[in-house]
Amino acid sequence: MVPRTEARRLVSGLVRASHAAPAAVVTGLAAALSAALGSGWGTVVLITVAVGSGQLSVGWSNDWIDAARDVAVGRTDKPVVAGLLTARTLRDAAVVALAVCVAASLALGFVAGVAHLVAVAGAWAYNARLKQTVWSWLPYALSFALLAVAVVLAAPGARVPAGWAVAAVALLGVGAHVANTLPDLEDDAATGVRGLPHRLGRRVSGVLAPGLLVAAVAVVVTGPVGAPSRAAWLGGAIAVGLALAAGISTVARPRSRAPFGLSLGVAVVCVALLGLTAADIAVLR
């Protein structure tokens, strides 16, 4: 039997390694969009389980794969470096979460399930190799876009996502990627990680992140048929404000995590606006 103190350390380590805040936001937004599209509670629950377990597998695999790098640069905020658990434990947890994700995803229907599993595979590919290359942005664009595709395909009716909605979600994903990378540019470079933001440099990437987020907001506001509503303009203004705040924060506090948090705020507002235009984001095949 695992001692109580050891169990607490293990749970604490798993929570910290899961990247809990973004995992919860992505899972919650997927569930909210599913509900807005008219999916029944069964589908919403399956979406929550599929996306949630997928996010856990991605977070745990990231800290498992990066364990040696984190030790090399003394990342004491990481649970493996802090001694809360081992890289092997994270590997096992990631595999179990992935198995749950596969089962829940396919229960949504074959096409929707495959779309989501490809999205999760893209995130794993980022962790395993692509984060070190100029293509580091691609898994974010692909995975976020396919997540939206999976949610729409799992909803009732013969509907597919509108192209503008998929483009907006992809832009949000890439913007979040750049914002999330900025605080760790030096630590990543010291261990050989040179994704697109690293190659562009802090100054260019600091402008690129809010620029991508603002572009996503513009697509969300103007994409639906007809003139934007007052709610769309208001939500768009709030989201743009959050995106600009992320850019300012990047300049003022280069190693702050605030820009990534603000980018998640932009995503929340954008998904809320997408929910208000459900009829436009899911169109008949």
C-alpha atoms as a PDB file:
ATOM      1  CA  MET A   1       0.000   0.000   0.000  1.00  0.00           C
ATOM      2  CA  VAL A   2       1.337   3.452  -0.968  1.00  0.00           C
ATOM      3  CA  PRO A   3       1.956   5.643   2.125  1.00  0.00           C
ATOM      4  CA  ARG A   4      -0.382   8.628   2.367  1.00  0.00           C
ATOM      5  CA  THR A   5       2.445  11.172   2.048  1.00  0.00           C
ATOM      6  CA  GLU A   6       3.805   9.405  -1.028  1.00  0.00           C
ATOM      7  CA  ALA A   7       0.332   9.281  -2.565  1.00  0.00           C
ATOM      8  CA  ARG A   8      -0.100  13.019  -2.057  1.00  0.00           C
ATOM      9  CA  ARG A   9       3.249  13.680  -3.729  1.00  0.00           C
ATOM     10  CA  LEU A  10       2.254  11.454  -6.641  1.00  0.00           C
ATOM     11  CA  VAL A  11      -1.107  13.162  -7.117  1.00  0.00           C
ATOM     12  CA  SER A  12       0.511  16.588  -6.821  1.00  0.00           C
ATOM     13  CA  GLY A  13       3.098  15.623  -9.424  1.00  0.00           C
ATOM     14  CA  LEU A  14       0.494  14.274 -11.847  1.00  0.00           C
ATOM     15  CA  VAL A  15      -1.607  17.432 -11.526  1.00  0.00           C
ATOM     16  CA  ARG A  16       1.381  19.709 -12.091  1.00  0.00           C
ATOM     17  CA  ALA A  17       2.602  17.651 -15.054  1.00  0.00           C
ATOM     18  CA  SER A  18      -0.843  17.643 -16.648  1.00  0.00           C
ATOM     19  CA  HIS A  19      -0.616  21.370 -17.467  1.00  0.00           C
ATOM     20  CA  ALA A  20      -3.927  21.553 -15.668  1.00  0.00           C
ATOM     21  CA  ALA A  21      -5.037  25.094 -16.548  1.00  0.00           C
ATOM     22  CA  PRO A  22      -4.812  24.844 -20.360  1.00  0.00           C
ATOM     23  CA  ALA A  23      -6.058  21.231 -20.260  1.00  0.00           C
ATOM     24  CA  ALA A  24      -9.136  22.304 -18.294  1.00  0.00           C
ATOM     25  CA  VAL A  25      -9.779  25.292 -20.573  1.00  0.00           C
ATOM     26  CA  VAL A  26      -9.504  23.262 -23.793  1.00  0.00           C
ATOM     27  CA  THR A  27     -11.709  20.495 -22.377  1.00  0.00           C
ATOM     28  CA  GLY A  28     -14.299  22.933 -21.061  1.00  0.00           C
ATOM     29  CA  LEU A  29     -14.427  24.876 -24.323  1.00  0.00           C
ATOM     30  CA  ALA A  30     -14.879  21.685 -26.360  1.00  0.00           C
ATOM     31  CA  ALA A  31     -17.728  20.592 -24.094  1.00  0.00           C
ATOM     32  CA  ALA A  32     -19.350  24.038 -24.212  1.00  0.00           C
ATOM     33  CA  LEU A  33     -19.168  24.145 -28.011  1.00  0.00           C
ATOM     34  CA  SER A  34     -20.618  20.648 -28.212  1.00  0.00           C
ATOM     35  CA  ALA A  35     -23.569  21.714 -26.052  1.00  0.00           C
ATOM     36  CA  ALA A  36     -24.062  24.897 -28.112  1.00  0.00           C
ATOM     37  CA  LEU A  37     -24.301  22.762 -31.255  1.00  0.00           C
ATOM     38  CA  GLY A  38     -27.246  20.870 -29.780  1.00  0.00           C
ATOM     39  CA  SER A  39     -25.461  17.667 -28.803  1.00  0.00           C
ATOM     40  CA  GLY A  40     -27.187  15.556 -26.181  1.00  0.00           C
ATOM     41  CA  TRP A  41     -25.722  15.052 -22.737  1.00  0.00           C
ATOM     42  CA  GLY A  42     -24.298  11.687 -23.725  1.00  0.00           C
ATOM     43  CA  THR A  43     -22.274  13.240 -26.518  1.00  0.00           C
ATOM     44  CA  VAL A  44     -21.187  16.163 -24.347  1.00  0.00           C
ATOM     45  CA  VAL A  45     -19.939  13.732 -21.694  1.00  0.00           C
ATOM     46  CA  LEU A  46     -18.064  11.699 -24.312  1.00  0.00           C
ATOM     47  CA  ILE A  47     -16.497  14.879 -25.710  1.00  0.00           C
ATOM     48  CA  THR A  48     -15.435  15.845 -22.198  1.00  0.00           C
ATOM     49  CA  VAL A  49     -13.890  12.438 -21.502  1.00  0.00           C
ATOM     50  CA  ALA A  50     -12.218  12.176 -24.917  1.00  0.00           C
ATOM     51  CA  VAL A  51     -10.765  15.675 -24.902  1.00  0.00           C
ATOM     52  CA  GLY A  52      -9.921  15.622 -21.202  1.00  0.00           C
ATOM     53  CA  SER A  53      -8.054  12.316 -21.377  1.00  0.00           C
ATOM     54  CA  GLY A  54      -6.359  13.429 -24.581  1.00  0.00           C
ATOM     55  CA  GLN A  55      -5.170  16.614 -22.890  1.00  0.00           C
ATOM     56  CA  LEU A  56      -3.887  14.617 -19.919  1.00  0.00           C
ATOM     57  CA  SER A  57      -1.968  12.290 -22.225  1.00  0.00           C
ATOM     58  CA  VAL A  58      -0.414  15.265 -23.997  1.00  0.00           C
ATOM     59  CA  GLY A  59       0.587  17.040 -20.791  1.00  0.00           C
ATOM     60  CA  TRP A  60       2.023  13.942 -19.154  1.00  0.00           C
ATOM     61  CA  SER A  61       3.872  12.862 -22.297  1.00  0.00           C
ATOM     62  CA  ASN A  62       5.365  16.356 -22.585  1.00  0.00           C
ATOM     63  CA  ASP A  63       6.904  16.233 -19.098  1.00  0.00           C
ATOM     64  CA  TRP A  64       7.968  12.605 -19.595  1.00  0.00           C
ATOM     65  CA  ILE A  65       9.767  13.338 -22.874  1.00  0.00           C
ATOM     66  CA  ASP A  66      11.263  16.592 -21.566  1.00  0.00           C
ATOM     67  CA  ALA A  67      12.392  15.179 -18.212  1.00  0.00           C
ATOM     68  CA  ALA A  68      16.100  15.047 -19.109  1.00  0.00           C
ATOM     69  CA  ARG A  69      16.012  18.583 -20.537  1.00  0.00           C
ATOM     70  CA  ASP A  70      14.197  19.898 -17.465  1.00  0.00           C
ATOM     71  CA  VAL A  71      16.823  18.354 -15.188  1.00  0.00           C
ATOM     72  CA  ALA A  72      19.626  19.820 -17.317  1.00  0.00           C
ATOM     73  CA  VAL A  73      18.362  23.404 -16.914  1.00  0.00           C
ATOM     74  CA  GLY A  74      17.142  22.995 -13.333  1.00  0.00           C
ATOM     75  CA  ARG A  75      13.419  23.464 -13.979  1.00  0.00           C
ATOM     76  CA  THR A  76      12.355  22.985 -10.354  1.00  0.00           C
ATOM     77  CA  ASP A  77       8.785  23.908 -11.299  1.00  0.00           C
ATOM     78  CA  LYS A  78       8.619  20.571 -13.093  1.00  0.00           C
ATOM     79  CA  PRO A  79       7.488  17.632 -10.923  1.00  0.00           C
ATOM     80  CA  VAL A  80      10.204  15.241 -12.100  1.00  0.00           C
ATOM     81  CA  VAL A  81      12.926  17.749 -11.188  1.00  0.00           C
ATOM     82  CA  ALA A  82      11.144  18.490  -7.900  1.00  0.00           C
ATOM     83  CA  GLY A  83      11.233  14.761  -7.074  1.00  0.00           C
ATOM     84  CA  LEU A  84       7.466  14.310  -6.915  1.00  0.00           C
ATOM     85  CA  LEU A  85       7.448  11.418  -9.373  1.00  0.00           C
ATOM     86  CA  THR A  86       9.584   9.713 -12.014  1.00  0.00           C
ATOM     87  CA  ALA A  87       9.614  10.041 -15.764  1.00  0.00           C
ATOM     88  CA  ARG A  88       8.565   6.384 -15.974  1.00  0.00           C
ATOM     89  CA  THR A  89       5.450   7.123 -13.921  1.00  0.00           C
ATOM     90  CA  LEU A  90       4.550   9.941 -16.311  1.00  0.00           C
ATOM     91  CA  ARG A  91       5.071   7.630 -19.276  1.00  0.00           C
ATOM     92  CA  ASP A  92       2.723   5.032 -17.804  1.00  0.00           C
ATOM     93  CA  ALA A  93       0.102   7.660 -16.932  1.00  0.00           C
ATOM     94  CA  ALA A  94       0.285   9.126 -20.442  1.00  0.00           C
ATOM     95  CA  VAL A  95      -0.264   5.705 -22.029  1.00  0.00           C
ATOM     96  CA  VAL A  96      -3.269   4.958 -19.803  1.00  0.00           C
ATOM     97  CA  ALA A  97      -4.808   8.364 -20.556  1.00  0.00           C
ATOM     98  CA  LEU A  98      -4.229   7.804 -24.269  1.00  0.00           C
ATOM     99  CA  ALA A  99      -6.031   4.450 -24.108  1.00  0.00           C
ATOM    100  CA  VAL A 100      -9.046   6.131 -22.495  1.00  0.00           C
ATOM    101  CA  CYS A 101      -8.893   8.850 -25.149  1.00  0.00           C
ATOM    102  CA  VAL A 102      -8.944   6.299 -27.984  1.00  0.00           C
ATOM    103  CA  ALA A 103     -11.986   4.502 -26.572  1.00  0.00           C
ATOM    104  CA  ALA A 104     -13.961   7.679 -25.833  1.00  0.00           C
ATOM    105  CA  SER A 105     -13.079   9.274 -29.170  1.00  0.00           C
ATOM    106  CA  LEU A 106     -14.201   6.298 -31.255  1.00  0.00           C
ATOM    107  CA  ALA A 107     -17.435   6.153 -29.229  1.00  0.00           C
ATOM    108  CA  LEU A 108     -18.259   9.550 -30.768  1.00  0.00           C
ATOM    109  CA  GLY A 109     -18.401   7.952 -34.202  1.00  0.00           C
ATOM    110  CA  PHE A 110     -15.646   6.778 -36.500  1.00  0.00           C
ATOM    111  CA  VAL A 111     -15.011   9.987 -38.463  1.00  0.00           C
ATOM    112  CA  ALA A 112     -15.307  12.331 -35.480  1.00  0.00           C
ATOM    113  CA  GLY A 113     -13.201   9.970 -33.391  1.00  0.00           C
ATOM    114  CA  VAL A 114     -10.439   9.704 -35.978  1.00  0.00           C
ATOM    115  CA  ALA A 115     -10.380  13.492 -36.355  1.00  0.00           C
ATOM    116  CA  HIS A 116      -9.843  13.899 -32.628  1.00  0.00           C
ATOM    117  CA  LEU A 117      -7.244  11.152 -32.448  1.00  0.00           C
ATOM    118  CA  VAL A 118      -5.263  12.772 -35.271  1.00  0.00           C
ATOM    119  CA  ALA A 119      -5.427  16.015 -33.275  1.00  0.00           C
ATOM    120  CA  VAL A 120      -4.001  14.228 -30.219  1.00  0.00           C
ATOM    121  CA  ALA A 121      -1.368  12.524 -32.384  1.00  0.00           C
ATOM    122  CA  GLY A 122      -0.309  15.946 -33.643  1.00  0.00           C
ATOM    123  CA  ALA A 123       0.204  17.126 -30.075  1.00  0.00           C
ATOM    124  CA  TRP A 124       2.264  14.026 -29.266  1.00  0.00           C
ATOM    125  CA  ALA A 125       4.336  14.641 -32.403  1.00  0.00           C
ATOM    126  CA  TYR A 126       5.001  18.168 -31.148  1.00  0.00           C
ATOM    127  CA  ASN A 127       6.222  16.811 -27.819  1.00  0.00           C
ATOM    128  CA  ALA A 128       8.361  14.114 -29.392  1.00  0.00           C
ATOM    129  CA  ARG A 129      10.083  16.046 -32.167  1.00  0.00           C
ATOM    130  CA  LEU A 130       8.352  18.936 -33.923  1.00  0.00           C
ATOM    131  CA  LYS A 131       8.822  21.405 -31.040  1.00  0.00           C
ATOM    132  CA  GLN A 132      12.524  21.406 -31.971  1.00  0.00           C
ATOM    133  CA  THR A 133      11.916  22.392 -35.585  1.00  0.00           C
ATOM    134  CA  VAL A 134      10.687  25.310 -37.648  1.00  0.00           C
ATOM    135  CA  TRP A 135       7.394  23.374 -37.950  1.00  0.00           C
ATOM    136  CA  SER A 136       6.612  23.711 -34.245  1.00  0.00           C
ATOM    137  CA  TRP A 137       3.512  25.779 -35.071  1.00  0.00           C
ATOM    138  CA  LEU A 138       1.965  23.144 -37.339  1.00  0.00           C
ATOM    139  CA  PRO A 139       0.732  20.677 -34.676  1.00  0.00           C
ATOM    140  CA  TYR A 140      -1.033  23.536 -32.867  1.00  0.00           C
ATOM    141  CA  ALA A 141      -2.775  24.693 -36.032  1.00  0.00           C
ATOM    142  CA  LEU A 142      -3.710  21.141 -37.047  1.00  0.00           C
ATOM    143  CA  SER A 143      -4.724  19.885 -33.614  1.00  0.00           C
ATOM    144  CA  PHE A 144      -6.882  22.870 -32.660  1.00  0.00           C
ATOM    145  CA  ALA A 145      -8.562  22.859 -36.062  1.00  0.00           C
ATOM    146  CA  LEU A 146      -9.246  19.109 -35.919  1.00  0.00           C
ATOM    147  CA  LEU A 147     -10.621  19.421 -32.391  1.00  0.00           C
ATOM    148  CA  ALA A 148     -13.263  21.820 -33.718  1.00  0.00           C
ATOM    149  CA  VAL A 149     -13.921  19.464 -36.627  1.00  0.00           C
ATOM    150  CA  ALA A 150     -14.424  16.525 -34.255  1.00  0.00           C
ATOM    151  CA  VAL A 151     -16.865  18.455 -32.044  1.00  0.00           C
ATOM    152  CA  VAL A 152     -18.977  19.481 -35.045  1.00  0.00           C
ATOM    153  CA  LEU A 153     -18.947  16.015 -36.613  1.00  0.00           C
ATOM    154  CA  ALA A 154     -20.054  14.482 -33.306  1.00  0.00           C
ATOM    155  CA  ALA A 155     -23.040  16.858 -33.107  1.00  0.00           C
ATOM    156  CA  PRO A 156     -26.442  15.746 -34.439  1.00  0.00           C
ATOM    157  CA  GLY A 157     -27.245  16.196 -38.113  1.00  0.00           C
ATOM    158  CA  ALA A 158     -25.233  15.909 -41.299  1.00  0.00           C
ATOM    159  CA  ARG A 159     -23.069  18.963 -40.663  1.00  0.00           C
ATOM    160  CA  VAL A 160     -19.450  19.955 -41.179  1.00  0.00           C
ATOM    161  CA  PRO A 161     -17.577  22.952 -39.748  1.00  0.00           C
ATOM    162  CA  ALA A 162     -17.440  26.138 -41.792  1.00  0.00           C
ATOM    163  CA  GLY A 163     -14.005  26.916 -43.179  1.00  0.00           C
ATOM    164  CA  TRP A 164     -13.779  30.285 -41.431  1.00  0.00           C
ATOM    165  CA  ALA A 165     -14.458  28.671 -38.040  1.00  0.00           C
ATOM    166  CA  VAL A 166     -11.705  26.085 -38.566  1.00  0.00           C
ATOM    167  CA  ALA A 167      -9.295  28.850 -39.643  1.00  0.00           C
ATOM    168  CA  ALA A 168     -10.120  30.921 -36.557  1.00  0.00           C
ATOM    169  CA  VAL A 169      -9.460  28.012 -34.188  1.00  0.00           C
ATOM    170  CA  ALA A 170      -6.186  27.209 -35.973  1.00  0.00           C
ATOM    171  CA  LEU A 171      -5.056  30.839 -35.558  1.00  0.00           C
ATOM    172  CA  LEU A 172      -5.919  30.675 -31.852  1.00  0.00           C
ATOM    173  CA  GLY A 173      -3.834  27.529 -31.517  1.00  0.00           C
ATOM    174  CA  VAL A 174      -0.745  28.994 -33.175  1.00  0.00           C
ATOM    175  CA  GLY A 175      -1.092  32.237 -31.219  1.00  0.00           C
ATOM    176  CA  ALA A 176      -1.274  30.270 -27.966  1.00  0.00           C
ATOM    177  CA  HIS A 177       1.797  28.245 -29.007  1.00  0.00           C
ATOM    178  CA  VAL A 178       3.908  31.350 -29.546  1.00  0.00           C
ATOM    179  CA  ALA A 179       2.702  32.957 -26.301  1.00  0.00           C
ATOM    180  CA  ASN A 180       3.347  29.769 -24.328  1.00  0.00           C
ATOM    181  CA  THR A 181       6.880  29.429 -25.671  1.00  0.00           C
ATOM    182  CA  LEU A 182       8.088  32.965 -24.924  1.00  0.00           C
ATOM    183  CA  PRO A 183       8.907  32.554 -21.193  1.00  0.00           C
ATOM    184  CA  ASP A 184      11.109  29.510 -21.875  1.00  0.00           C
ATOM    185  CA  LEU A 185      13.053  30.671 -24.939  1.00  0.00           C
ATOM    186  CA  GLU A 186      16.435  30.688 -23.191  1.00  0.00           C
ATOM    187  CA  ASP A 187      15.932  27.400 -21.311  1.00  0.00           C
ATOM    188  CA  ASP A 188      14.700  25.706 -24.495  1.00  0.00           C
ATOM    189  CA  ALA A 189      17.628  27.014 -26.541  1.00  0.00           C
ATOM    190  CA  ALA A 190      20.065  25.681 -23.937  1.00  0.00           C
ATOM    191  CA  THR A 191      18.760  22.154 -24.526  1.00  0.00           C
ATOM    192  CA  GLY A 192      18.574  22.308 -28.317  1.00  0.00           C
ATOM    193  CA  VAL A 193      14.899  23.190 -28.746  1.00  0.00           C
ATOM    194  CA  ARG A 194      14.567  25.670 -31.613  1.00  0.00           C
ATOM    195  CA  GLY A 195      10.972  25.922 -32.735  1.00  0.00           C
ATOM    196  CA  LEU A 196       9.612  28.734 -34.856  1.00  0.00           C
ATOM    197  CA  PRO A 197       9.375  31.274 -31.982  1.00  0.00           C
ATOM    198  CA  HIS A 198      13.003  30.567 -31.033  1.00  0.00           C
ATOM    199  CA  ARG A 199      14.152  31.143 -34.609  1.00  0.00           C
ATOM    200  CA  LEU A 200      12.176  34.358 -34.941  1.00  0.00           C
ATOM    201  CA  GLY A 201      13.448  35.713 -31.627  1.00  0.00           C
ATOM    202  CA  ARG A 202      11.694  37.262 -28.656  1.00  0.00           C
ATOM    203  CA  ARG A 203      10.945  40.608 -30.289  1.00  0.00           C
ATOM    204  CA  VAL A 204       9.313  39.228 -33.448  1.00  0.00           C
ATOM    205  CA  SER A 205       7.509  36.449 -31.584  1.00  0.00           C
ATOM    206  CA  GLY A 206       6.286  38.966 -29.016  1.00  0.00           C
ATOM    207  CA  VAL A 207       4.512  40.804 -31.831  1.00  0.00           C
ATOM    208  CA  LEU A 208       3.445  37.657 -33.673  1.00  0.00           C
ATOM    209  CA  ALA A 209       1.543  36.108 -30.732  1.00  0.00           C
ATOM    210  CA  PRO A 210      -0.961  38.953 -30.195  1.00  0.00           C
ATOM    211  CA  GLY A 211      -1.141  39.495 -33.952  1.00  0.00           C
ATOM    212  CA  LEU A 212      -2.317  35.923 -34.508  1.00  0.00           C
ATOM    213  CA  LEU A 213      -4.822  36.207 -31.672  1.00  0.00           C
ATOM    214  CA  VAL A 214      -6.248  39.452 -33.075  1.00  0.00           C
ATOM    215  CA  ALA A 215      -6.519  37.815 -36.508  1.00  0.00           C
ATOM    216  CA  ALA A 216      -8.460  34.930 -34.955  1.00  0.00           C
ATOM    217  CA  VAL A 217     -10.827  37.376 -33.256  1.00  0.00           C
ATOM    218  CA  ALA A 218     -11.386  39.200 -36.549  1.00  0.00           C
ATOM    219  CA  VAL A 219     -12.319  35.935 -38.276  1.00  0.00           C
ATOM    220  CA  VAL A 220     -14.705  34.942 -35.474  1.00  0.00           C
ATOM    221  CA  VAL A 221     -16.465  38.329 -35.544  1.00  0.00           C
ATOM    222  CA  THR A 222     -16.739  38.694 -39.322  1.00  0.00           C
ATOM    223  CA  GLY A 223     -17.027  35.045 -40.374  1.00  0.00           C
ATOM    224  CA  PRO A 224     -20.743  34.385 -39.734  1.00  0.00           C
ATOM    225  CA  VAL A 225     -23.303  35.321 -42.375  1.00  0.00           C
ATOM    226  CA  GLY A 226     -24.642  38.864 -42.077  1.00  0.00           C
ATOM    227  CA  ALA A 227     -23.442  41.883 -40.159  1.00  0.00           C
ATOM    228  CA  PRO A 228     -21.841  41.214 -36.739  1.00  0.00           C
ATOM    229  CA  SER A 229     -24.208  41.631 -33.800  1.00  0.00           C
ATOM    230  CA  ARG A 230     -23.601  43.955 -30.881  1.00  0.00           C
ATOM    231  CA  ALA A 231     -22.581  40.953 -28.809  1.00  0.00           C
ATOM    232  CA  ALA A 232     -20.031  39.998 -31.466  1.00  0.00           C
ATOM    233  CA  TRP A 233     -18.539  43.501 -31.514  1.00  0.00           C
ATOM    234  CA  LEU A 234     -18.422  43.640 -27.713  1.00  0.00           C
ATOM    235  CA  GLY A 235     -16.909  40.177 -27.374  1.00  0.00           C
ATOM    236  CA  GLY A 236     -14.463  40.957 -30.150  1.00  0.00           C
ATOM    237  CA  ALA A 237     -13.375  44.156 -28.419  1.00  0.00           C
ATOM    238  CA  ILE A 238     -12.816  42.277 -25.144  1.00  0.00           C
ATOM    239  CA  ALA A 239     -10.821  39.562 -26.916  1.00  0.00           C
ATOM    240  CA  VAL A 240      -8.679  42.102 -28.770  1.00  0.00           C
ATOM    241  CA  GLY A 241      -8.020  43.861 -25.484  1.00  0.00           C
ATOM    242  CA  LEU A 242      -6.843  40.597 -23.946  1.00  0.00           C
ATOM    243  CA  ALA A 243      -4.622  39.903 -26.970  1.00  0.00           C
ATOM    244  CA  LEU A 244      -3.026  43.353 -26.792  1.00  0.00           C
ATOM    245  CA  ALA A 245      -2.526  42.922 -23.043  1.00  0.00           C
ATOM    246  CA  ALA A 246      -0.663  39.696 -23.828  1.00  0.00           C
ATOM    247  CA  GLY A 247       1.643  41.601 -26.170  1.00  0.00           C
ATOM    248  CA  ILE A 248       2.288  44.334 -23.610  1.00  0.00           C
ATOM    249  CA  SER A 249       2.955  41.763 -20.900  1.00  0.00           C
ATOM    250  CA  THR A 250       5.507  40.060 -23.138  1.00  0.00           C
ATOM    251  CA  VAL A 251       7.473  43.292 -23.423  1.00  0.00           C
ATOM    252  CA  ALA A 252       7.159  44.271 -19.759  1.00  0.00           C
ATOM    253  CA  ARG A 253       7.841  40.835 -18.252  1.00  0.00           C
ATOM    254  CA  PRO A 254       9.569  38.563 -20.794  1.00  0.00           C
ATOM    255  CA  ARG A 255       9.509  35.440 -18.580  1.00  0.00           C
ATOM    256  CA  SER A 256       5.941  35.893 -17.363  1.00  0.00           C
ATOM    257  CA  ARG A 257       3.280  33.247 -17.988  1.00  0.00           C
ATOM    258  CA  ALA A 258       0.645  35.986 -18.220  1.00  0.00           C
ATOM    259  CA  PRO A 259       0.648  36.165 -22.054  1.00  0.00           C
ATOM    260  CA  PHE A 260      -0.337  32.499 -22.274  1.00  0.00           C
ATOM    261  CA  GLY A 261      -3.061  32.971 -19.680  1.00  0.00           C
ATOM    262  CA  LEU A 262      -4.367  35.965 -21.593  1.00  0.00           C
ATOM    263  CA  SER A 263      -4.325  33.945 -24.826  1.00  0.00           C
ATOM    264  CA  LEU A 264      -6.518  31.350 -23.115  1.00  0.00           C
ATOM    265  CA  GLY A 265      -8.849  34.212 -22.218  1.00  0.00           C
ATOM    266  CA  VAL A 266      -9.018  35.172 -25.883  1.00  0.00           C
ATOM    267  CA  ALA A 267      -9.918  31.567 -26.704  1.00  0.00           C
ATOM    268  CA  VAL A 268     -12.693  31.551 -24.100  1.00  0.00           C
ATOM    269  CA  VAL A 269     -14.259  34.708 -25.543  1.00  0.00           C
ATOM    270  CA  CYS A 270     -13.939  33.418 -29.118  1.00  0.00           C
ATOM    271  CA  VAL A 271     -15.590  30.088 -28.302  1.00  0.00           C
ATOM    272  CA  ALA A 272     -18.392  31.959 -26.535  1.00  0.00           C
ATOM    273  CA  LEU A 273     -18.919  33.967 -29.718  1.00  0.00           C
ATOM    274  CA  LEU A 274     -18.822  30.775 -31.788  1.00  0.00           C
ATOM    275  CA  GLY A 275     -21.503  29.336 -29.535  1.00  0.00           C
ATOM    276  CA  LEU A 276     -23.730  32.313 -30.327  1.00  0.00           C
ATOM    277  CA  THR A 277     -23.422  31.554 -34.041  1.00  0.00           C
ATOM    278  CA  ALA A 278     -23.751  27.754 -33.920  1.00  0.00           C
ATOM    279  CA  ALA A 279     -25.911  27.708 -37.042  1.00  0.00           C
ATOM    280  CA  ASP A 280     -23.108  29.384 -39.010  1.00  0.00           C
ATOM    281  CA  ILE A 281     -20.163  27.324 -37.754  1.00  0.00           C
ATOM    282  CA  ALA A 282     -21.815  23.958 -38.501  1.00  0.00           C
ATOM    283  CA  VAL A 283     -23.167  23.840 -42.053  1.00  0.00           C
ATOM    284  CA  LEU A 284     -24.976  21.115 -43.980  1.00  0.00           C
ATOM    285  CA  ARG A 285     -22.762  18.770 -45.980  1.00  0.00           C
END
